[in-house]
Amino acid sequence: MFTTKNLFKIFGKHFLIAIGAILIAVVSISILSGKIVQISASAAKNRQQASMLSQQTAMLANLKHEVEIIGSNETVFNNAFIPSNNILAFVSVLESLALRNGLTESFHFSSPIPLDLGTSLLLNTIGYQNTISTNVPAFINYLKDYESLPYFTKIDSINITSSNGNWLESSNVTFGASVTTRAEQ
């Protein structure tokens, strides 16, 4: 029979089942949301680490490439600094340039002056003056050859004089220059 007591029993039973289902759903949702937060934090951390690893890999590849370039050019770089106490090789190169271009020249070298670059590399600069008897087109060819020298050189001044005012004929060219050298101890 259908009584109020039975109605309350059925209602109470369904109410307790609904409350239980809601509690199970809330507990499941909170556990799952905690897991989702952990997984998303882990995924974000993994993405960040993958990005850092990718950047480091690119940097290492670039560094490897630069080391390969430097490795092959290290001897060229070291040979570019002639020793301060022996510049004869440099003088002979300049003389061969003059011979190749059909010039006559005379040198006057000054004493080495220390360069303070703030590094452990001890360098000097040696100034020199070179006087050449030639014409300007031959001197221009000489300068092209001079530019390709494997040394750290710099021309500070050039003075061209001609007795008859025509540079295309016989002229005297004087140029002041400097060469950077290794300080020998």
N, C-alpha and C. Protein backbone atom coordinates (compact mmCIF):
# COMPACT_ATOMS: atom_id res chain seq x y z
N MET A 1 0.77 -1.15 0.00
CA MET A 1 0.00 0.00 0.00
C MET A 1 0.84 1.25 0.00
N PHE A 2 0.17 2.24 -0.47
CA PHE A 2 0.93 3.46 -0.62
C PHE A 2 0.60 4.38 0.55
N THR A 3 1.64 4.58 1.39
CA THR A 3 1.44 5.42 2.57
C THR A 3 2.48 6.51 2.56
N THR A 4 2.30 7.41 3.46
CA THR A 4 3.25 8.52 3.58
C THR A 4 4.60 7.98 4.05
N LYS A 5 4.54 6.99 4.89
CA LYS A 5 5.78 6.42 5.39
C LYS A 5 6.57 5.80 4.24
N ASN A 6 5.91 5.09 3.37
CA ASN A 6 6.58 4.49 2.22
C ASN A 6 7.10 5.57 1.26
N LEU A 7 6.32 6.63 1.15
CA LEU A 7 6.75 7.73 0.30
C LEU A 7 8.03 8.34 0.81
N PHE A 8 8.09 8.55 2.15
CA PHE A 8 9.31 9.11 2.73
C PHE A 8 10.48 8.13 2.62
N LYS A 9 10.24 6.84 2.71
CA LYS A 9 11.31 5.85 2.56
C LYS A 9 11.85 5.88 1.13
N ILE A 10 10.95 5.89 0.18
CA ILE A 10 11.38 5.90 -1.23
C ILE A 10 12.11 7.22 -1.54
N PHE A 11 11.49 8.29 -1.07
CA PHE A 11 12.11 9.61 -1.29
C PHE A 11 13.47 9.68 -0.61
N GLY A 12 13.59 9.24 0.63
CA GLY A 12 14.85 9.24 1.38
C GLY A 12 15.89 8.37 0.69
N LYS A 13 15.43 7.21 0.22
CA LYS A 13 16.36 6.31 -0.45
C LYS A 13 16.91 6.96 -1.73
N HIS A 14 16.06 7.57 -2.53
CA HIS A 14 16.51 8.22 -3.76
C HIS A 14 17.34 9.48 -3.46
N PHE A 15 16.94 10.14 -2.35
CA PHE A 15 17.69 11.33 -1.95
C PHE A 15 19.10 10.95 -1.53
N LEU A 16 19.26 9.88 -0.76
CA LEU A 16 20.58 9.42 -0.33
C LEU A 16 21.40 8.93 -1.54
N ILE A 17 20.75 8.28 -2.47
CA ILE A 17 21.45 7.83 -3.69
C ILE A 17 21.93 9.06 -4.47
N ALA A 18 21.09 10.08 -4.60
CA ALA A 18 21.47 11.30 -5.32
C ALA A 18 22.61 12.02 -4.62
N ILE A 19 22.54 12.12 -3.27
CA ILE A 19 23.61 12.76 -2.50
C ILE A 19 24.90 11.96 -2.67
N GLY A 20 24.83 10.66 -2.62
CA GLY A 20 26.00 9.81 -2.81
C GLY A 20 26.60 9.99 -4.20
N ALA A 21 25.73 10.05 -5.21
CA ALA A 21 26.20 10.24 -6.58
C ALA A 21 26.86 11.61 -6.73
N ILE A 22 26.26 12.61 -6.09
CA ILE A 22 26.85 13.96 -6.15
C ILE A 22 28.20 13.97 -5.44
N LEU A 23 28.30 13.32 -4.28
CA LEU A 23 29.57 13.26 -3.56
C LEU A 23 30.63 12.51 -4.37
N ILE A 24 30.25 11.42 -4.97
CA ILE A 24 31.19 10.66 -5.81
C ILE A 24 31.63 11.51 -6.99
N ALA A 25 30.69 12.24 -7.60
CA ALA A 25 31.02 13.11 -8.74
C ALA A 25 31.96 14.23 -8.31
N VAL A 26 31.69 14.85 -7.15
CA VAL A 26 32.54 15.95 -6.66
C VAL A 26 33.95 15.44 -6.35
N VAL A 27 34.03 14.30 -5.68
CA VAL A 27 35.34 13.72 -5.35
C VAL A 27 36.07 13.35 -6.64
N SER A 28 35.36 12.73 -7.59
CA SER A 28 35.98 12.34 -8.87
C SER A 28 36.45 13.58 -9.64
N ILE A 29 35.61 14.61 -9.65
CA ILE A 29 35.98 15.84 -10.37
C ILE A 29 37.19 16.50 -9.73
N SER A 30 37.23 16.55 -8.39
CA SER A 30 38.37 17.18 -7.73
C SER A 30 39.65 16.36 -7.94
N ILE A 31 39.56 15.05 -7.92
CA ILE A 31 40.73 14.21 -8.18
C ILE A 31 41.19 14.39 -9.63
N LEU A 32 40.23 14.35 -10.56
CA LEU A 32 40.58 14.51 -11.97
C LEU A 32 41.12 15.91 -12.27
N SER A 33 40.56 16.94 -11.65
CA SER A 33 41.07 18.30 -11.89
C SER A 33 42.49 18.45 -11.34
N GLY A 34 42.75 17.80 -10.20
CA GLY A 34 44.11 17.81 -9.66
C GLY A 34 45.08 17.14 -10.63
N LYS A 35 44.65 16.00 -11.18
CA LYS A 35 45.48 15.29 -12.16
C LYS A 35 45.68 16.15 -13.42
N ILE A 36 44.62 16.83 -13.86
CA ILE A 36 44.71 17.69 -15.04
C ILE A 36 45.69 18.83 -14.79
N VAL A 37 45.64 19.42 -13.61
CA VAL A 37 46.57 20.51 -13.26
C VAL A 37 48.00 19.98 -13.26
N GLN A 38 48.21 18.80 -12.68
CA GLN A 38 49.56 18.22 -12.66
C GLN A 38 50.06 17.93 -14.08
N ILE A 39 49.19 17.36 -14.91
CA ILE A 39 49.57 17.02 -16.28
C ILE A 39 49.85 18.28 -17.09
N SER A 40 49.02 19.32 -16.94
CA SER A 40 49.26 20.55 -17.71
C SER A 40 50.52 21.25 -17.22
N ALA A 41 50.79 21.23 -15.90
CA ALA A 41 52.05 21.81 -15.40
C ALA A 41 53.24 21.03 -15.92
N SER A 42 53.11 19.71 -15.95
CA SER A 42 54.19 18.87 -16.48
C SER A 42 54.39 19.13 -17.97
N ALA A 43 53.29 19.27 -18.70
CA ALA A 43 53.39 19.54 -20.14
C ALA A 43 54.02 20.91 -20.39
N ALA A 44 53.65 21.92 -19.62
CA ALA A 44 54.24 23.26 -19.77
C ALA A 44 55.73 23.21 -19.46
N LYS A 45 56.09 22.49 -18.40
CA LYS A 45 57.51 22.37 -18.04
C LYS A 45 58.27 21.63 -19.14
N ASN A 46 57.68 20.57 -19.68
CA ASN A 46 58.32 19.82 -20.76
C ASN A 46 58.47 20.69 -22.02
N ARG A 47 57.45 21.49 -22.34
CA ARG A 47 57.54 22.40 -23.48
C ARG A 47 58.66 23.41 -23.28
N GLN A 48 58.76 23.96 -22.06
CA GLN A 48 59.80 24.93 -21.75
C GLN A 48 61.18 24.28 -21.87
N GLN A 49 61.33 23.07 -21.33
CA GLN A 49 62.61 22.37 -21.43
C GLN A 49 62.94 22.01 -22.87
N ALA A 50 61.93 21.63 -23.65
CA ALA A 50 62.16 21.31 -25.05
C ALA A 50 62.59 22.56 -25.81
N SER A 51 61.99 23.69 -25.50
CA SER A 51 62.36 24.95 -26.14
C SER A 51 63.79 25.33 -25.78
N MET A 52 64.15 25.21 -24.48
CA MET A 52 65.51 25.51 -24.05
C MET A 52 66.51 24.57 -24.71
N LEU A 53 66.15 23.29 -24.78
CA LEU A 53 67.02 22.30 -25.42
C LEU A 53 67.20 22.61 -26.90
N SER A 54 66.13 23.02 -27.56
CA SER A 54 66.21 23.38 -28.97
C SER A 54 67.12 24.59 -29.17
N GLN A 55 66.98 25.60 -28.29
CA GLN A 55 67.84 26.78 -28.38
C GLN A 55 69.30 26.41 -28.13
N GLN A 56 69.54 25.57 -27.13
CA GLN A 56 70.91 25.17 -26.83
C GLN A 56 71.50 24.34 -27.96
N THR A 57 70.68 23.49 -28.57
CA THR A 57 71.15 22.69 -29.70
C THR A 57 71.52 23.60 -30.87
N ALA A 58 70.68 24.59 -31.14
CA ALA A 58 70.98 25.54 -32.21
C ALA A 58 72.24 26.32 -31.89
N MET A 59 72.39 26.74 -30.63
CA MET A 59 73.57 27.49 -30.22
C MET A 59 74.82 26.62 -30.35
N LEU A 60 74.73 25.36 -29.94
CA LEU A 60 75.88 24.46 -30.05
C LEU A 60 76.24 24.18 -31.51
N ALA A 61 75.23 24.05 -32.36
CA ALA A 61 75.50 23.85 -33.79
C ALA A 61 76.20 25.07 -34.37
N ASN A 62 75.73 26.26 -33.99
CA ASN A 62 76.36 27.50 -34.44
C ASN A 62 77.78 27.61 -33.91
N LEU A 63 77.96 27.27 -32.64
CA LEU A 63 79.29 27.30 -32.03
C LEU A 63 80.22 26.31 -32.71
N LYS A 64 79.72 25.13 -33.02
CA LYS A 64 80.53 24.12 -33.72
C LYS A 64 80.97 24.65 -35.08
N HIS A 65 80.04 25.28 -35.78
CA HIS A 65 80.37 25.86 -37.09
C HIS A 65 81.44 26.94 -36.95
N GLU A 66 81.30 27.82 -35.94
CA GLU A 66 82.27 28.88 -35.73
C GLU A 66 83.63 28.32 -35.32
N VAL A 67 83.64 27.26 -34.51
CA VAL A 67 84.90 26.63 -34.12
C VAL A 67 85.59 26.03 -35.34
N GLU A 68 84.81 25.43 -36.24
CA GLU A 68 85.39 24.89 -37.46
C GLU A 68 86.02 25.99 -38.30
N ILE A 69 85.34 27.14 -38.38
CA ILE A 69 85.88 28.27 -39.14
C ILE A 69 87.15 28.79 -38.48
N ILE A 70 87.09 28.98 -37.17
CA ILE A 70 88.24 29.51 -36.43
C ILE A 70 89.39 28.52 -36.46
N GLY A 71 89.07 27.25 -36.31
CA GLY A 71 90.13 26.23 -36.29
C GLY A 71 90.99 26.27 -37.53
N SER A 72 90.36 26.42 -38.67
CA SER A 72 91.13 26.45 -39.91
C SER A 72 91.83 27.78 -40.10
N ASN A 73 91.33 28.84 -39.49
CA ASN A 73 91.92 30.16 -39.67
C ASN A 73 92.82 30.56 -38.51
N GLU A 74 92.97 29.72 -37.51
CA GLU A 74 93.80 30.07 -36.35
C GLU A 74 95.25 30.28 -36.76
N THR A 75 95.77 29.43 -37.63
CA THR A 75 97.16 29.61 -38.06
C THR A 75 97.30 30.87 -38.89
N VAL A 76 96.30 31.18 -39.72
CA VAL A 76 96.33 32.42 -40.50
C VAL A 76 96.34 33.61 -39.55
N PHE A 77 95.49 33.54 -38.52
CA PHE A 77 95.41 34.63 -37.55
C PHE A 77 96.73 34.78 -36.80
N ASN A 78 97.32 33.67 -36.36
CA ASN A 78 98.60 33.74 -35.64
C ASN A 78 99.72 34.23 -36.55
N ASN A 79 99.70 33.85 -37.81
CA ASN A 79 100.74 34.30 -38.74
C ASN A 79 100.58 35.76 -39.13
N ALA A 80 99.39 36.32 -38.91
CA ALA A 80 99.15 37.73 -39.26
C ALA A 80 99.94 38.65 -38.34
N PHE A 81 100.29 38.18 -37.15
CA PHE A 81 101.08 38.97 -36.22
C PHE A 81 102.53 38.50 -36.29
N ILE A 82 103.34 39.22 -37.04
CA ILE A 82 104.75 38.85 -37.13
C ILE A 82 105.43 39.23 -35.81
N PRO A 83 106.53 38.57 -35.45
CA PRO A 83 107.21 38.92 -34.20
C PRO A 83 107.88 40.28 -34.30
N SER A 84 107.82 41.06 -33.22
CA SER A 84 108.39 42.40 -33.21
C SER A 84 109.90 42.39 -33.42
N ASN A 85 110.56 41.35 -32.95
CA ASN A 85 112.01 41.33 -33.02
C ASN A 85 112.54 40.75 -34.34
N ASN A 86 111.64 40.40 -35.28
CA ASN A 86 112.09 39.85 -36.55
C ASN A 86 111.08 40.21 -37.64
N ILE A 87 111.24 41.39 -38.22
CA ILE A 87 110.30 41.84 -39.25
C ILE A 87 110.87 41.66 -40.65
N LEU A 88 111.95 40.89 -40.75
CA LEU A 88 112.58 40.69 -42.05
C LEU A 88 111.64 40.01 -43.05
N ALA A 89 110.81 39.09 -42.58
CA ALA A 89 109.86 38.42 -43.49
C ALA A 89 108.89 39.45 -44.07
N PHE A 90 108.44 40.38 -43.23
CA PHE A 90 107.54 41.44 -43.69
C PHE A 90 108.24 42.33 -44.72
N VAL A 91 109.50 42.70 -44.44
CA VAL A 91 110.26 43.54 -45.36
C VAL A 91 110.45 42.83 -46.70
N SER A 92 110.76 41.54 -46.66
CA SER A 92 110.96 40.80 -47.92
C SER A 92 109.67 40.71 -48.72
N VAL A 93 108.52 40.62 -48.03
CA VAL A 93 107.24 40.61 -48.74
C VAL A 93 107.01 41.95 -49.42
N LEU A 94 107.30 43.04 -48.73
CA LEU A 94 107.15 44.37 -49.34
C LEU A 94 108.09 44.53 -50.53
N GLU A 95 109.32 44.04 -50.41
CA GLU A 95 110.27 44.12 -51.52
C GLU A 95 109.80 43.29 -52.72
N SER A 96 109.21 42.14 -52.46
CA SER A 96 108.71 41.32 -53.57
C SER A 96 107.52 42.00 -54.25
N LEU A 97 106.71 42.72 -53.47
CA LEU A 97 105.61 43.49 -54.07
C LEU A 97 106.18 44.57 -54.99
N ALA A 98 107.22 45.24 -54.54
CA ALA A 98 107.83 46.29 -55.35
C ALA A 98 108.42 45.71 -56.64
N LEU A 99 109.11 44.58 -56.52
CA LEU A 99 109.69 43.95 -57.71
C LEU A 99 108.60 43.50 -58.69
N ARG A 100 107.53 42.93 -58.16
CA ARG A 100 106.43 42.47 -59.00
C ARG A 100 105.80 43.62 -59.78
N ASN A 101 105.77 44.81 -59.18
CA ASN A 101 105.15 45.97 -59.82
C ASN A 101 106.17 46.90 -60.48
N GLY A 102 107.46 46.52 -60.50
CA GLY A 102 108.49 47.29 -61.16
C GLY A 102 108.80 48.61 -60.46
N LEU A 103 108.82 48.61 -59.13
CA LEU A 103 109.07 49.82 -58.35
C LEU A 103 110.40 49.72 -57.63
N THR A 104 110.95 50.87 -57.27
CA THR A 104 112.08 50.90 -56.35
C THR A 104 111.60 51.57 -55.09
N GLU A 105 112.06 51.05 -53.95
CA GLU A 105 111.56 51.59 -52.68
C GLU A 105 112.66 51.60 -51.64
N SER A 106 112.44 52.43 -50.62
CA SER A 106 113.34 52.46 -49.47
C SER A 106 112.49 52.59 -48.22
N PHE A 107 112.93 51.95 -47.13
CA PHE A 107 112.15 51.88 -45.89
C PHE A 107 112.85 52.63 -44.77
N HIS A 108 112.05 53.06 -43.84
CA HIS A 108 112.57 53.58 -42.58
C HIS A 108 111.57 53.14 -41.50
N PHE A 109 112.00 52.22 -40.62
CA PHE A 109 111.14 51.67 -39.57
C PHE A 109 111.45 52.36 -38.24
N SER A 110 110.42 52.55 -37.44
CA SER A 110 110.60 53.10 -36.09
C SER A 110 110.59 51.96 -35.08
N SER A 111 110.81 52.31 -33.82
CA SER A 111 110.83 51.31 -32.75
C SER A 111 109.41 50.84 -32.44
N PRO A 112 109.27 49.60 -31.96
CA PRO A 112 107.94 49.09 -31.60
C PRO A 112 107.33 49.89 -30.44
N ILE A 113 106.03 50.12 -30.52
CA ILE A 113 105.28 50.80 -29.46
C ILE A 113 104.23 49.82 -28.96
N PRO A 114 104.22 49.53 -27.65
CA PRO A 114 103.23 48.58 -27.11
C PRO A 114 101.80 49.08 -27.29
N LEU A 115 100.92 48.15 -27.63
CA LEU A 115 99.49 48.43 -27.73
C LEU A 115 98.80 47.88 -26.49
N ASP A 116 98.00 48.69 -25.83
CA ASP A 116 97.26 48.23 -24.66
C ASP A 116 95.81 48.00 -25.07
N LEU A 117 95.47 46.74 -25.32
CA LEU A 117 94.12 46.38 -25.73
C LEU A 117 93.28 45.88 -24.57
N GLY A 118 93.90 45.76 -23.41
CA GLY A 118 93.18 45.25 -22.25
C GLY A 118 92.99 43.74 -22.28
N THR A 119 93.78 43.05 -23.08
CA THR A 119 93.69 41.59 -23.17
C THR A 119 95.05 41.00 -22.83
N SER A 120 95.10 39.69 -22.79
CA SER A 120 96.36 39.02 -22.50
C SER A 120 97.26 38.96 -23.73
N LEU A 121 96.74 39.33 -24.89
CA LEU A 121 97.51 39.33 -26.13
C LEU A 121 98.43 40.55 -26.13
N LEU A 122 99.75 40.30 -26.14
CA LEU A 122 100.73 41.38 -26.12
C LEU A 122 101.09 41.76 -27.55
N LEU A 123 100.71 42.97 -27.93
CA LEU A 123 100.94 43.43 -29.30
C LEU A 123 101.72 44.73 -29.30
N ASN A 124 102.46 44.94 -30.37
CA ASN A 124 103.17 46.19 -30.62
C ASN A 124 102.73 46.73 -31.97
N THR A 125 102.95 47.99 -32.16
CA THR A 125 102.77 48.57 -33.48
C THR A 125 104.11 49.17 -33.90
N ILE A 126 104.50 48.92 -35.12
CA ILE A 126 105.75 49.44 -35.65
C ILE A 126 105.39 50.34 -36.83
N GLY A 127 105.71 51.60 -36.69
CA GLY A 127 105.48 52.54 -37.78
C GLY A 127 106.63 52.49 -38.77
N TYR A 128 106.34 52.75 -40.01
CA TYR A 128 107.39 52.80 -41.01
C TYR A 128 107.00 53.76 -42.12
N GLN A 129 108.02 54.23 -42.81
CA GLN A 129 107.81 55.10 -43.94
C GLN A 129 108.44 54.43 -45.15
N ASN A 130 107.71 54.41 -46.23
CA ASN A 130 108.16 53.76 -47.45
C ASN A 130 108.17 54.81 -48.56
N THR A 131 109.30 54.98 -49.19
CA THR A 131 109.43 55.92 -50.30
C THR A 131 109.62 55.12 -51.57
N ILE A 132 108.76 55.40 -52.56
CA ILE A 132 108.75 54.62 -53.80
C ILE A 132 108.90 55.58 -54.98
N SER A 133 109.73 55.18 -55.91
CA SER A 133 109.87 55.92 -57.17
C SER A 133 109.10 55.14 -58.23
N THR A 134 108.06 55.76 -58.75
CA THR A 134 107.19 55.06 -59.70
C THR A 134 106.26 56.06 -60.37
N ASN A 135 105.30 55.55 -61.10
CA ASN A 135 104.20 56.38 -61.58
C ASN A 135 102.93 55.92 -60.85
N VAL A 136 101.91 56.73 -60.91
CA VAL A 136 100.71 56.46 -60.11
C VAL A 136 100.00 55.18 -60.53
N PRO A 137 99.84 54.84 -61.81
CA PRO A 137 99.18 53.57 -62.14
C PRO A 137 99.91 52.35 -61.56
N ALA A 138 101.25 52.36 -61.59
CA ALA A 138 102.01 51.24 -61.00
C ALA A 138 101.83 51.23 -59.49
N PHE A 139 101.77 52.43 -58.88
CA PHE A 139 101.57 52.50 -57.43
C PHE A 139 100.19 51.97 -57.04
N ILE A 140 99.19 52.23 -57.85
CA ILE A 140 97.84 51.71 -57.58
C ILE A 140 97.86 50.19 -57.62
N ASN A 141 98.57 49.59 -58.57
CA ASN A 141 98.70 48.13 -58.61
C ASN A 141 99.43 47.62 -57.37
N TYR A 142 100.46 48.36 -56.95
CA TYR A 142 101.19 48.01 -55.73
C TYR A 142 100.25 48.02 -54.52
N LEU A 143 99.39 49.04 -54.44
CA LEU A 143 98.44 49.14 -53.32
C LEU A 143 97.44 48.00 -53.33
N LYS A 144 97.02 47.57 -54.51
CA LYS A 144 96.10 46.42 -54.59
C LYS A 144 96.77 45.17 -54.04
N ASP A 145 98.03 44.97 -54.39
CA ASP A 145 98.77 43.83 -53.86
C ASP A 145 99.01 43.99 -52.36
N TYR A 146 99.30 45.21 -51.94
CA TYR A 146 99.54 45.51 -50.52
C TYR A 146 98.30 45.19 -49.68
N GLU A 147 97.14 45.49 -50.25
CA GLU A 147 95.88 45.27 -49.54
C GLU A 147 95.64 43.79 -49.26
N SER A 148 96.18 42.91 -50.09
CA SER A 148 95.95 41.48 -49.91
C SER A 148 96.97 40.81 -48.99
N LEU A 149 97.87 41.61 -48.39
CA LEU A 149 98.86 41.03 -47.49
C LEU A 149 98.19 40.40 -46.27
N PRO A 150 98.74 39.30 -45.77
CA PRO A 150 98.11 38.61 -44.63
C PRO A 150 98.55 39.18 -43.28
N TYR A 151 98.86 40.45 -43.23
CA TYR A 151 99.31 41.08 -41.98
C TYR A 151 98.34 42.18 -41.59
N PHE A 152 98.40 42.55 -40.29
CA PHE A 152 97.59 43.67 -39.81
C PHE A 152 98.38 44.95 -40.07
N THR A 153 98.11 45.57 -41.21
CA THR A 153 98.81 46.79 -41.59
C THR A 153 97.81 47.91 -41.80
N LYS A 154 98.32 49.12 -41.73
CA LYS A 154 97.46 50.28 -41.92
C LYS A 154 98.30 51.39 -42.54
N ILE A 155 97.80 52.00 -43.61
CA ILE A 155 98.46 53.15 -44.21
C ILE A 155 97.85 54.39 -43.58
N ASP A 156 98.72 55.22 -43.00
CA ASP A 156 98.26 56.42 -42.30
C ASP A 156 98.25 57.64 -43.22
N SER A 157 99.20 57.72 -44.14
CA SER A 157 99.28 58.89 -45.01
C SER A 157 99.97 58.53 -46.31
N ILE A 158 99.61 59.26 -47.38
CA ILE A 158 100.25 59.08 -48.69
C ILE A 158 100.55 60.47 -49.22
N ASN A 159 101.78 60.64 -49.73
CA ASN A 159 102.19 61.91 -50.32
C ASN A 159 102.80 61.60 -51.69
N ILE A 160 102.23 62.19 -52.74
CA ILE A 160 102.71 61.97 -54.11
C ILE A 160 103.28 63.29 -54.63
N THR A 161 104.50 63.25 -55.09
CA THR A 161 105.12 64.44 -55.69
C THR A 161 105.69 64.06 -57.04
N SER A 162 105.62 65.01 -57.93
CA SER A 162 106.15 64.80 -59.27
C SER A 162 106.92 66.05 -59.66
N SER A 163 108.10 65.86 -60.22
CA SER A 163 108.93 67.01 -60.59
C SER A 163 108.33 67.78 -61.76
N ASN A 164 107.64 67.12 -62.66
CA ASN A 164 107.08 67.82 -63.82
C ASN A 164 105.56 68.01 -63.72
N GLY A 165 104.96 67.62 -62.58
CA GLY A 165 103.53 67.83 -62.37
C GLY A 165 102.64 66.78 -63.01
N ASN A 166 103.19 65.76 -63.62
CA ASN A 166 102.40 64.73 -64.27
C ASN A 166 102.59 63.43 -63.49
N TRP A 167 101.56 63.01 -62.78
CA TRP A 167 101.65 61.81 -61.95
C TRP A 167 101.73 60.53 -62.78
N LEU A 168 101.33 60.59 -64.02
CA LEU A 168 101.36 59.39 -64.86
C LEU A 168 102.79 59.04 -65.27
N GLU A 169 103.70 60.00 -65.09
CA GLU A 169 105.11 59.74 -65.38
C GLU A 169 105.83 59.53 -64.06
N SER A 170 107.10 59.74 -64.03
CA SER A 170 107.91 59.49 -62.85
C SER A 170 107.48 60.37 -61.68
N SER A 171 107.22 59.73 -60.54
CA SER A 171 106.80 60.42 -59.33
C SER A 171 107.47 59.76 -58.13
N ASN A 172 107.48 60.49 -57.03
CA ASN A 172 107.92 59.93 -55.77
C ASN A 172 106.71 59.82 -54.86
N VAL A 173 106.48 58.64 -54.36
CA VAL A 173 105.35 58.38 -53.47
C VAL A 173 105.93 58.01 -52.11
N THR A 174 105.50 58.74 -51.10
CA THR A 174 105.92 58.43 -49.74
C THR A 174 104.66 58.13 -48.95
N PHE A 175 104.66 56.97 -48.31
CA PHE A 175 103.51 56.69 -47.46
C PHE A 175 103.97 56.24 -46.09
N GLY A 176 103.24 56.74 -45.09
CA GLY A 176 103.48 56.32 -43.72
C GLY A 176 102.50 55.23 -43.36
N ALA A 177 102.99 54.18 -42.76
CA ALA A 177 102.13 53.05 -42.43
C ALA A 177 102.58 52.45 -41.11
N SER A 178 101.81 51.49 -40.65
CA SER A 178 102.18 50.76 -39.43
C SER A 178 101.77 49.30 -39.59
N VAL A 179 102.48 48.45 -38.89
CA VAL A 179 102.18 47.03 -38.88
C VAL A 179 102.06 46.60 -37.42
N THR A 180 101.05 45.79 -37.12
CA THR A 180 100.86 45.29 -35.75
C THR A 180 101.59 43.97 -35.63
N THR A 181 102.37 43.86 -34.55
CA THR A 181 103.22 42.68 -34.37
C THR A 181 103.00 42.07 -32.98
N ARG A 182 103.47 40.82 -32.84
CA ARG A 182 103.46 40.16 -31.53
C ARG A 182 104.63 40.67 -30.72
N ALA A 183 104.41 41.00 -29.48
CA ALA A 183 105.51 41.41 -28.60
C ALA A 183 106.24 40.15 -28.17
N GLU A 184 107.51 40.08 -28.47
CA GLU A 184 108.32 38.93 -28.10
C GLU A 184 109.05 39.25 -26.81
N GLN A 185 109.02 38.31 -25.87
CA GLN A 185 109.65 38.56 -24.57
C GLN A 185 110.86 37.72 -24.39
